[in-house]
Amino acid sequence: MKIEDVVCTFCGCLCDDLVVEVDGRRVVSVENGCTLANEKFMGDHRLQSPIRRNGKGWEHISYDDAIRETAEILCDADRPILYGWSGTHGEAQSIGIHLAELLGALVDNTSTVCHGPSILAIQEVGHPGCTLGQVKNRADVVVYWGTNPIDAHPRHMSRYTTFADGFFLKEAFRDRRLIVVDVRKTESANIADEFITIEPGGDYAVLSALRAIVRGKREIIPPSVSGVSREQLFRVADLLLSAKFGAIFFGLGLTMSPGKYKNVRNAIELTEELSRHTKYTISPMRGHWNVYGSNEVFTWITGYPYAVDFARGIAFYNPGETTSVDVLRRKECDACLVVGSDPGAHFPKACAEHLARIPTIQIDPHTNATTHLSRIQIPVAVTGIDAEGTAYRMDGVPIRTRMLFKGEYPSDTEILERLYTLVKEAKGP
């Protein structure tokens, strides 16, 4: 059976035009998807049943035992962390936050190690953004700063920017101008009209120079700024100002380089400077397929987008203190529940070592780096394949994912509901 208009739950693009052929409980082909989508839908490396560490090895256990032991670990903990959430649907995220409140735990999502600085900058100066549909239909100048979409978001260019014809751009590849800014030449840079190679950590200085040029202060620009010549800065600024509608997209090359959220603030203020002359928008290139959704759901319920600490009995938010990396580095937490992410592959070594020392439980369909740090892993259905739920695209548009077939695994929502019930019973009224 072929199913059309399927949503891909891999990256923040949430491409919704896939055609997937299903045979029973197995996906046999995927049309319109990128290489990452094909691996997501056709990969068959799922964990078969819950596992528990037994000495130096593993033993298979039932779902009942896994959920019960997880509840006991979380209830016994004085300072638990509930981390991840960007690889699951909004309904599960909502339960996770209520579970954290019940436990007095810290609940954090993957923004803490990716676009957390973007959120801090937006909280200071706002977000002049728009939907990807607006970019597709209107943008004649596109900037990718500190991101390589050809590798990280393979269909971003073909669906929304460089190769996507829009209502006002009938021949996008000819009509659009592409600017790529990075510390090295990437696949995306190979097709750029203008490629800016900056020195590592030089983003803030280059953004400041472009802001000065846009404001008419060309005479103060030195011969070179962080490895970028004055002539190229003038050329790029003129190209930016020539746009009828411009769109800037930035990635972790901007958020995680020296300056962090100040870099993003500077980029937003450059967008505002350009909008004095023409129309510009700016948006982060979100990675996980529902990391934007985790920020949305966290904010609805707690008032804060990530790093929410319920230890005081109320929601408390202070990035740098209540972020997972900092709590793990200080060795404060004594238990961790990981849902829909892989901190073992992305956290600093000291944090991963502490996760290995404390009881860590992972809810995830596949084995990964965090599996080797965990005491228990509980496999679940994959949202968009054998589970359904709500996700948010990188531009904040909510999209409902579909269940292609009813599988044999419980969903994240089912596991978390059962876990919440057991913890509530243990905690009492």
Protein backbone atom coordinates (compact mmCIF):
# COMPACT_ATOMS: atom_id res chain seq x y z
CA MET A 1 0.00 0.00 0.00
CA LYS A 2 1.31 3.45 -0.98
CA ILE A 3 0.64 6.34 1.40
CA GLU A 4 1.01 9.90 0.11
CA ASP A 5 1.79 13.18 1.87
CA VAL A 6 3.78 11.48 4.61
CA VAL A 7 5.72 13.69 7.04
CA CYS A 8 9.41 12.90 7.52
CA THR A 9 10.39 13.06 11.19
CA PHE A 10 14.13 13.44 10.86
CA CYS A 11 15.14 17.10 10.73
CA GLY A 12 13.43 20.42 11.36
CA CYS A 13 12.28 20.70 7.73
CA LEU A 14 9.49 18.16 8.42
CA CYS A 15 9.05 17.53 4.69
CA ASP A 16 5.41 16.54 4.18
CA ASP A 17 5.41 15.31 0.57
CA LEU A 18 6.86 11.82 0.92
CA VAL A 19 5.25 8.79 -0.70
CA VAL A 20 5.85 5.70 1.40
CA GLU A 21 5.06 2.12 0.41
CA VAL A 22 4.17 -0.18 3.30
CA ASP A 23 4.00 -3.97 3.34
CA GLY A 24 2.40 -5.10 6.60
CA ARG A 25 4.61 -3.72 9.39
CA ARG A 26 7.49 -2.82 7.12
CA VAL A 27 8.35 0.17 4.95
CA VAL A 28 9.59 -1.08 1.58
CA SER A 29 10.17 2.15 -0.35
CA VAL A 30 10.28 5.93 0.08
CA GLU A 31 9.80 8.50 -2.68
CA ASN A 32 10.77 12.20 -2.49
CA GLY A 33 12.83 11.67 0.65
CA CYS A 34 16.49 12.54 1.08
CA THR A 35 19.14 10.01 2.10
CA LEU A 36 18.47 10.73 5.77
CA ALA A 37 14.72 10.17 5.30
CA ASN A 38 15.31 6.87 3.55
CA GLU A 39 17.43 5.64 6.43
CA LYS A 40 14.84 6.84 8.95
CA PHE A 41 11.94 5.02 7.30
CA MET A 42 13.71 1.90 6.06
CA GLY A 43 16.21 1.33 8.86
CA ASP A 44 15.50 -1.93 10.72
CA HIS A 45 17.90 -1.65 13.64
CA ARG A 46 15.37 -1.22 16.41
CA LEU A 47 15.84 -2.65 19.87
CA GLN A 48 13.53 -5.64 20.19
CA SER A 49 12.53 -5.34 23.85
CA PRO A 50 13.48 -3.42 27.02
CA ILE A 51 16.95 -4.23 28.31
CA ARG A 52 18.60 -3.85 31.71
CA ARG A 53 22.28 -3.85 32.52
CA ASN A 54 23.30 -7.05 34.28
CA GLY A 55 26.88 -6.83 35.47
CA LYS A 56 28.90 -6.20 32.32
CA GLY A 57 26.16 -7.44 30.01
CA TRP A 58 22.47 -6.95 29.29
CA GLU A 59 19.31 -8.89 29.96
CA HIS A 60 15.91 -8.59 28.33
CA ILE A 61 13.06 -7.61 30.63
CA SER A 62 9.35 -6.91 30.23
CA TYR A 63 7.86 -3.48 29.72
CA ASP A 64 6.13 -3.77 33.08
CA ASP A 65 9.41 -4.42 34.88
CA ALA A 66 11.24 -1.68 32.98
CA ILE A 67 8.59 0.95 33.70
CA ARG A 68 8.25 -0.07 37.35
CA GLU A 69 12.02 0.03 37.95
CA THR A 70 12.27 3.38 36.16
CA ALA A 71 9.56 4.82 38.41
CA GLU A 72 11.38 3.52 41.51
CA ILE A 73 14.68 5.07 40.39
CA LEU A 74 13.09 8.45 39.73
CA CYS A 75 11.14 8.45 43.00
CA ASP A 76 14.25 7.56 45.01
CA ALA A 77 16.34 10.28 43.38
CA ASP A 78 16.94 13.61 45.12
CA ARG A 79 17.94 15.51 41.96
CA PRO A 80 16.68 13.78 38.81
CA ILE A 81 17.00 15.15 35.27
CA LEU A 82 14.49 14.49 32.49
CA TYR A 83 16.39 15.30 29.32
CA GLY A 84 15.85 15.19 25.55
CA TRP A 85 12.30 15.53 24.22
CA SER A 86 13.26 16.86 20.77
CA GLY A 87 12.83 13.46 19.13
CA THR A 88 9.29 12.82 20.32
CA HIS A 89 5.86 14.32 19.71
CA GLY A 90 4.25 17.17 21.60
CA GLU A 91 1.77 15.00 23.50
CA ALA A 92 4.64 13.04 25.09
CA GLN A 93 6.53 16.24 25.85
CA SER A 94 3.51 17.54 27.77
CA ILE A 95 3.39 14.43 29.96
CA GLY A 96 7.14 14.70 30.54
CA ILE A 97 6.82 18.21 31.95
CA HIS A 98 4.04 17.18 34.31
CA LEU A 99 6.16 14.21 35.38
CA ALA A 100 9.08 16.55 36.12
CA GLU A 101 6.84 18.79 38.22
CA LEU A 102 5.60 15.78 40.17
CA LEU A 103 9.17 14.66 40.83
CA GLY A 104 10.58 18.12 41.53
CA ALA A 105 13.02 17.39 38.72
CA LEU A 106 14.95 19.40 36.18
CA VAL A 107 13.46 19.04 32.67
CA ASP A 108 15.57 20.14 29.72
CA ASN A 109 15.57 19.68 25.95
CA THR A 110 18.31 19.57 23.33
CA SER A 111 18.15 23.34 22.80
CA THR A 112 20.56 23.47 25.72
CA VAL A 113 23.37 22.24 23.41
CA CYS A 114 22.22 23.72 20.08
CA HIS A 115 19.96 26.76 19.72
CA GLY A 116 19.67 27.73 23.37
CA PRO A 117 21.78 30.84 22.62
CA SER A 118 19.34 31.70 19.82
CA ILE A 119 16.47 31.66 22.31
CA LEU A 120 18.40 33.90 24.73
CA ALA A 121 19.07 36.39 21.94
CA ILE A 122 15.43 36.34 20.83
CA GLN A 123 14.35 36.97 24.43
CA GLU A 124 16.50 40.13 24.37
CA VAL A 125 15.74 41.64 20.95
CA GLY A 126 12.86 39.67 19.41
CA HIS A 127 12.61 37.48 16.33
CA PRO A 128 11.87 39.06 12.94
CA GLY A 129 11.01 35.72 11.36
CA CYS A 130 8.50 34.25 8.94
CA THR A 131 7.32 30.92 7.60
CA LEU A 132 9.36 28.91 5.12
CA GLY A 133 6.52 29.38 2.66
CA GLN A 134 7.14 33.13 2.66
CA VAL A 135 10.84 32.52 1.98
CA LYS A 136 10.04 30.17 -0.89
CA ASN A 137 7.62 32.59 -2.55
CA ARG A 138 9.42 35.89 -1.97
CA ALA A 139 13.12 35.70 -1.03
CA ASP A 140 15.53 36.79 -3.77
CA VAL A 141 18.58 36.84 -1.47
CA VAL A 142 19.26 33.96 0.93
CA VAL A 143 22.05 33.75 3.50
CA TYR A 144 23.23 30.58 5.25
CA TRP A 145 25.48 31.56 8.17
CA GLY A 146 27.33 28.84 10.09
CA THR A 147 25.22 26.07 8.62
CA ASN A 148 25.60 23.54 5.81
CA PRO A 149 22.07 22.62 4.68
CA ILE A 150 23.15 20.25 1.91
CA ASP A 151 24.48 17.87 4.57
CA ALA A 152 22.34 18.74 7.62
CA HIS A 153 18.97 19.60 6.00
CA PRO A 154 19.30 18.07 2.52
CA ARG A 155 15.94 19.28 1.14
CA HIS A 156 15.94 22.77 2.63
CA MET A 157 17.33 24.32 -0.54
CA SER A 158 15.13 22.36 -2.91
CA ARG A 159 11.90 22.98 -0.99
CA TYR A 160 12.32 26.51 0.34
CA THR A 161 15.27 28.45 -1.07
CA THR A 162 17.81 28.07 -3.86
CA PHE A 163 16.07 25.54 -6.09
CA ALA A 164 12.44 26.16 -5.09
CA ASP A 165 10.38 28.20 -7.54
CA GLY A 166 7.98 30.54 -5.74
CA PHE A 167 4.93 32.64 -6.51
CA PHE A 168 7.07 35.74 -7.12
CA LEU A 169 10.17 33.88 -8.35
CA LYS A 170 9.31 31.69 -11.31
CA GLU A 171 12.93 30.68 -11.97
CA ALA A 172 14.41 30.60 -8.51
CA PHE A 173 17.87 29.29 -9.40
CA ARG A 174 18.42 32.26 -11.72
CA ASP A 175 16.53 34.88 -9.74
CA ARG A 176 17.91 34.17 -6.27
CA ARG A 177 21.33 35.09 -4.92
CA LEU A 178 22.93 32.81 -2.34
CA ILE A 179 25.45 33.87 0.31
CA VAL A 180 27.18 31.27 2.48
CA VAL A 181 29.29 32.18 5.53
CA ASP A 182 31.44 29.53 7.18
CA VAL A 183 34.91 28.80 8.51
CA ARG A 184 35.61 26.31 5.71
CA LYS A 185 34.30 25.54 2.26
CA THR A 186 31.30 23.20 2.43
CA GLU A 187 29.04 21.56 -0.14
CA SER A 188 26.63 24.46 0.25
CA ALA A 189 29.43 26.96 -0.39
CA ASN A 190 30.15 25.34 -3.75
CA ILE A 191 26.90 26.69 -5.20
CA ALA A 192 26.98 30.10 -3.51
CA ASP A 193 27.15 33.37 -5.40
CA GLU A 194 29.25 34.73 -2.56
CA PHE A 195 31.18 32.59 -0.09
CA ILE A 196 32.67 34.30 2.96
CA THR A 197 35.42 32.41 4.76
CA ILE A 198 35.80 33.78 8.27
CA GLU A 199 38.29 32.93 10.98
CA PRO A 200 36.89 30.71 13.76
CA GLY A 201 35.27 32.94 16.35
CA GLY A 202 35.11 35.89 13.98
CA ASP A 203 31.34 35.95 13.48
CA TYR A 204 30.64 38.84 15.83
CA ALA A 205 33.24 41.08 14.20
CA VAL A 206 32.03 40.34 10.66
CA LEU A 207 28.40 40.93 11.62
CA SER A 208 29.38 44.22 13.26
CA ALA A 209 31.26 45.28 10.14
CA LEU A 210 28.27 44.50 7.92
CA ARG A 211 26.01 46.48 10.26
CA ALA A 212 28.34 49.46 10.04
CA ILE A 213 28.39 49.31 6.22
CA VAL A 214 24.60 49.08 6.06
CA ARG A 215 24.40 52.18 8.27
CA GLY A 216 26.66 54.05 5.85
CA LYS A 217 29.88 53.91 7.90
CA ARG A 218 32.12 52.37 5.23
CA GLU A 219 35.05 54.60 6.09
CA ILE A 220 35.57 52.94 9.50
CA ILE A 221 36.00 49.41 8.10
CA PRO A 222 39.62 48.17 8.34
CA PRO A 223 41.32 46.38 5.40
CA SER A 224 40.44 42.98 6.89
CA VAL A 225 37.90 41.79 9.48
CA SER A 226 38.39 38.25 10.86
CA GLY A 227 39.94 37.13 7.59
CA VAL A 228 37.37 38.83 5.35
CA SER A 229 38.63 41.61 3.10
CA ARG A 230 37.05 45.05 3.15
CA GLU A 231 36.21 44.72 -0.55
CA GLN A 232 34.27 41.51 -0.02
CA LEU A 233 32.39 43.02 2.92
CA PHE A 234 31.35 45.96 0.72
CA ARG A 235 30.30 43.56 -2.04
CA VAL A 236 28.24 41.39 0.31
CA ALA A 237 26.58 44.38 1.95
CA ASP A 238 25.57 45.73 -1.48
CA LEU A 239 24.17 42.32 -2.39
CA LEU A 240 22.18 42.22 0.85
CA LEU A 241 20.80 45.71 0.25
CA SER A 242 19.80 44.84 -3.33
CA ALA A 243 17.21 42.32 -2.11
CA LYS A 244 13.50 42.91 -2.41
CA PHE A 245 13.02 40.24 0.27
CA GLY A 246 15.96 38.64 2.06
CA ALA A 247 16.15 35.64 4.39
CA ILE A 248 18.99 34.79 6.76
CA PHE A 249 19.33 31.27 8.17
CA PHE A 250 21.93 30.49 10.85
CA GLY A 251 23.16 27.31 12.47
CA LEU A 252 25.38 26.04 15.26
CA GLY A 253 28.40 27.62 13.62
CA LEU A 254 26.98 30.88 14.94
CA THR A 255 25.34 29.78 18.20
CA MET A 256 28.20 27.66 19.51
CA SER A 257 31.19 29.78 18.49
CA PRO A 258 32.72 32.35 20.89
CA GLY A 259 30.14 34.99 21.63
CA LYS A 260 27.25 32.50 21.54
CA TYR A 261 23.96 34.34 22.06
CA LYS A 262 25.64 37.72 21.45
CA ASN A 263 26.47 36.49 17.93
CA VAL A 264 22.81 35.72 17.34
CA ARG A 265 21.74 39.04 18.80
CA ASN A 266 24.13 40.79 16.42
CA ALA A 267 22.69 38.82 13.48
CA ILE A 268 19.15 39.79 14.48
CA GLU A 269 20.19 43.43 14.74
CA LEU A 270 21.79 43.20 11.28
CA THR A 271 18.42 41.92 10.05
CA GLU A 272 16.73 44.93 11.63
CA GLU A 273 19.28 47.29 10.04
CA LEU A 274 18.63 45.76 6.62
CA SER A 275 14.88 46.07 7.17
CA ARG A 276 15.30 49.85 7.34
CA HIS A 277 16.10 49.68 3.62
CA THR A 278 14.21 46.61 2.40
CA LYS A 279 12.53 43.52 3.92
CA TYR A 280 14.55 40.88 5.80
CA THR A 281 13.81 37.95 8.09
CA ILE A 282 16.05 35.65 10.11
CA SER A 283 15.51 32.12 11.43
CA PRO A 284 17.55 29.37 13.11
CA MET A 285 18.14 26.08 11.29
CA ARG A 286 16.66 23.75 13.90
CA GLY A 287 18.09 20.24 13.88
CA HIS A 288 15.87 17.64 15.60
CA TRP A 289 12.49 17.23 13.96
CA ASN A 290 10.57 18.48 17.00
CA VAL A 291 13.06 20.58 18.93
CA TYR A 292 10.97 23.66 18.12
CA GLY A 293 7.96 21.76 19.49
CA SER A 294 9.76 21.07 22.75
CA ASN A 295 10.38 24.81 23.19
CA GLU A 296 6.73 25.52 22.42
CA VAL A 297 5.32 22.91 24.80
CA PHE A 298 7.75 23.81 27.59
CA THR A 299 6.77 27.47 27.27
CA TRP A 300 3.02 26.80 27.25
CA ILE A 301 3.15 24.82 30.46
CA THR A 302 6.02 26.36 32.44
CA GLY A 303 6.59 29.78 30.89
CA TYR A 304 10.14 28.86 29.91
CA PRO A 305 11.51 27.20 26.73
CA TYR A 306 14.14 24.85 28.22
CA ALA A 307 16.24 24.20 31.34
CA VAL A 308 13.23 24.31 33.69
CA ASP A 309 13.93 23.34 37.31
CA PHE A 310 11.07 22.25 39.59
CA ALA A 311 13.29 21.62 42.65
CA ARG A 312 11.75 24.63 44.41
CA GLY A 313 8.22 23.38 43.75
CA ILE A 314 7.74 26.02 41.06
CA ALA A 315 9.22 26.46 37.59
CA PHE A 316 12.65 28.14 37.75
CA TYR A 317 14.75 29.03 34.71
CA ASN A 318 18.35 30.22 34.68
CA PRO A 319 20.49 28.98 31.76
CA GLY A 320 24.03 28.36 32.92
CA GLU A 321 22.71 27.08 36.25
CA THR A 322 19.69 24.94 35.35
CA THR A 323 20.95 23.62 32.01
CA SER A 324 21.69 19.89 31.87
CA VAL A 325 25.35 20.20 30.96
CA ASP A 326 26.02 22.46 33.94
CA VAL A 327 24.10 20.27 36.40
CA LEU A 328 25.90 17.15 35.17
CA ARG A 329 29.27 18.88 35.21
CA ARG A 330 28.69 19.84 38.85
CA LYS A 331 27.65 16.22 39.56
CA GLU A 332 24.44 17.39 41.23
CA CYS A 333 21.98 14.93 39.70
CA ASP A 334 21.58 11.35 40.89
CA ALA A 335 19.27 9.93 38.17
CA CYS A 336 18.47 10.73 34.57
CA LEU A 337 15.64 9.87 32.18
CA VAL A 338 16.55 10.44 28.52
CA VAL A 339 13.71 10.65 25.98
CA GLY A 340 14.18 11.04 22.24
CA SER A 341 17.82 12.18 22.18
CA ASP A 342 21.38 10.92 22.47
CA PRO A 343 23.35 12.94 25.04
CA GLY A 344 26.06 10.30 25.12
CA ALA A 345 27.03 11.34 21.61
CA HIS A 346 26.79 15.10 22.13
CA PHE A 347 27.53 16.01 25.75
CA PRO A 348 31.05 16.82 27.00
CA LYS A 349 33.08 13.90 28.31
CA ALA A 350 32.67 14.86 31.98
CA CYS A 351 28.87 14.90 31.59
CA ALA A 352 28.81 11.52 29.83
CA GLU A 353 30.98 10.04 32.59
CA HIS A 354 28.53 11.23 35.23
CA LEU A 355 25.60 9.78 33.27
CA ALA A 356 27.43 6.44 33.36
CA ARG A 357 27.87 6.67 37.14
CA ILE A 358 24.23 7.39 37.99
CA PRO A 359 21.17 5.31 37.03
CA THR A 360 20.31 6.51 33.52
CA ILE A 361 17.19 5.28 31.71
CA GLN A 362 16.70 5.84 28.02
CA ILE A 363 13.40 5.74 26.09
CA ASP A 364 14.40 5.36 22.45
CA PRO A 365 13.72 2.94 19.57
CA HIS A 366 17.39 2.34 18.73
CA THR A 367 20.65 1.59 20.48
CA ASN A 368 23.04 4.53 20.39
CA ALA A 369 25.92 6.05 22.34
CA THR A 370 23.67 6.70 25.35
CA THR A 371 22.78 3.00 25.50
CA HIS A 372 26.30 2.29 26.71
CA LEU A 373 25.82 4.74 29.59
CA SER A 374 22.36 3.50 30.58
CA ARG A 375 21.06 1.08 33.16
CA ILE A 376 17.73 0.53 31.34
CA GLN A 377 16.59 1.20 27.79
CA ILE A 378 12.94 1.03 26.75
CA PRO A 379 12.23 0.80 22.99
CA VAL A 380 9.21 2.66 21.64
CA ALA A 381 7.39 3.25 18.37
CA VAL A 382 8.77 5.81 15.92
CA THR A 383 6.64 8.91 15.50
CA GLY A 384 5.64 9.25 11.87
CA ILE A 385 5.94 5.51 11.21
CA ASP A 386 4.13 3.42 13.85
CA ALA A 387 3.10 6.28 16.14
CA GLU A 388 1.48 9.64 15.55
CA GLY A 389 1.63 13.03 17.18
CA THR A 390 2.16 16.76 16.75
CA ALA A 391 5.46 18.28 15.62
CA TYR A 392 6.63 21.82 14.94
CA ARG A 393 8.61 22.67 11.83
CA MET A 394 11.70 24.85 12.23
CA ASP A 395 9.63 27.96 11.40
CA GLY A 396 7.06 27.24 14.13
CA VAL A 397 4.33 25.73 11.94
CA PRO A 398 2.60 22.78 13.69
CA ILE A 399 2.26 19.65 11.57
CA ARG A 400 0.43 16.47 12.49
CA THR A 401 2.41 13.32 11.80
CA ARG A 402 0.64 10.13 10.76
CA MET A 403 0.82 6.50 11.78
CA LEU A 404 1.60 4.39 8.69
CA PHE A 405 0.80 1.10 10.41
CA LYS A 406 0.02 -0.23 13.87
CA GLY A 407 3.22 -1.76 15.17
CA GLU A 408 4.12 -3.88 18.15
CA TYR A 409 5.85 -1.14 20.15
CA PRO A 410 4.11 1.24 22.57
CA SER A 411 4.42 4.96 21.85
CA ASP A 412 6.35 7.46 23.98
CA THR A 413 3.00 8.75 25.22
CA GLU A 414 1.90 5.31 26.43
CA ILE A 415 5.16 4.68 28.29
CA LEU A 416 5.20 8.11 29.91
CA GLU A 417 1.54 7.89 30.94
CA ARG A 418 2.20 4.60 32.71
CA LEU A 419 5.33 6.04 34.32
CA TYR A 420 3.45 9.14 35.47
CA THR A 421 0.70 6.98 37.02
CA LEU A 422 3.21 4.91 39.01
CA VAL A 423 5.10 7.99 40.23
CA LYS A 424 1.88 9.69 41.25
CA GLU A 425 0.81 6.63 43.22
CA ALA A 426 4.21 6.47 44.93
CA LYS A 427 4.24 10.18 45.78
CA GLY A 428 0.73 10.04 47.21
CA PRO A 429 -1.81 12.90 47.35
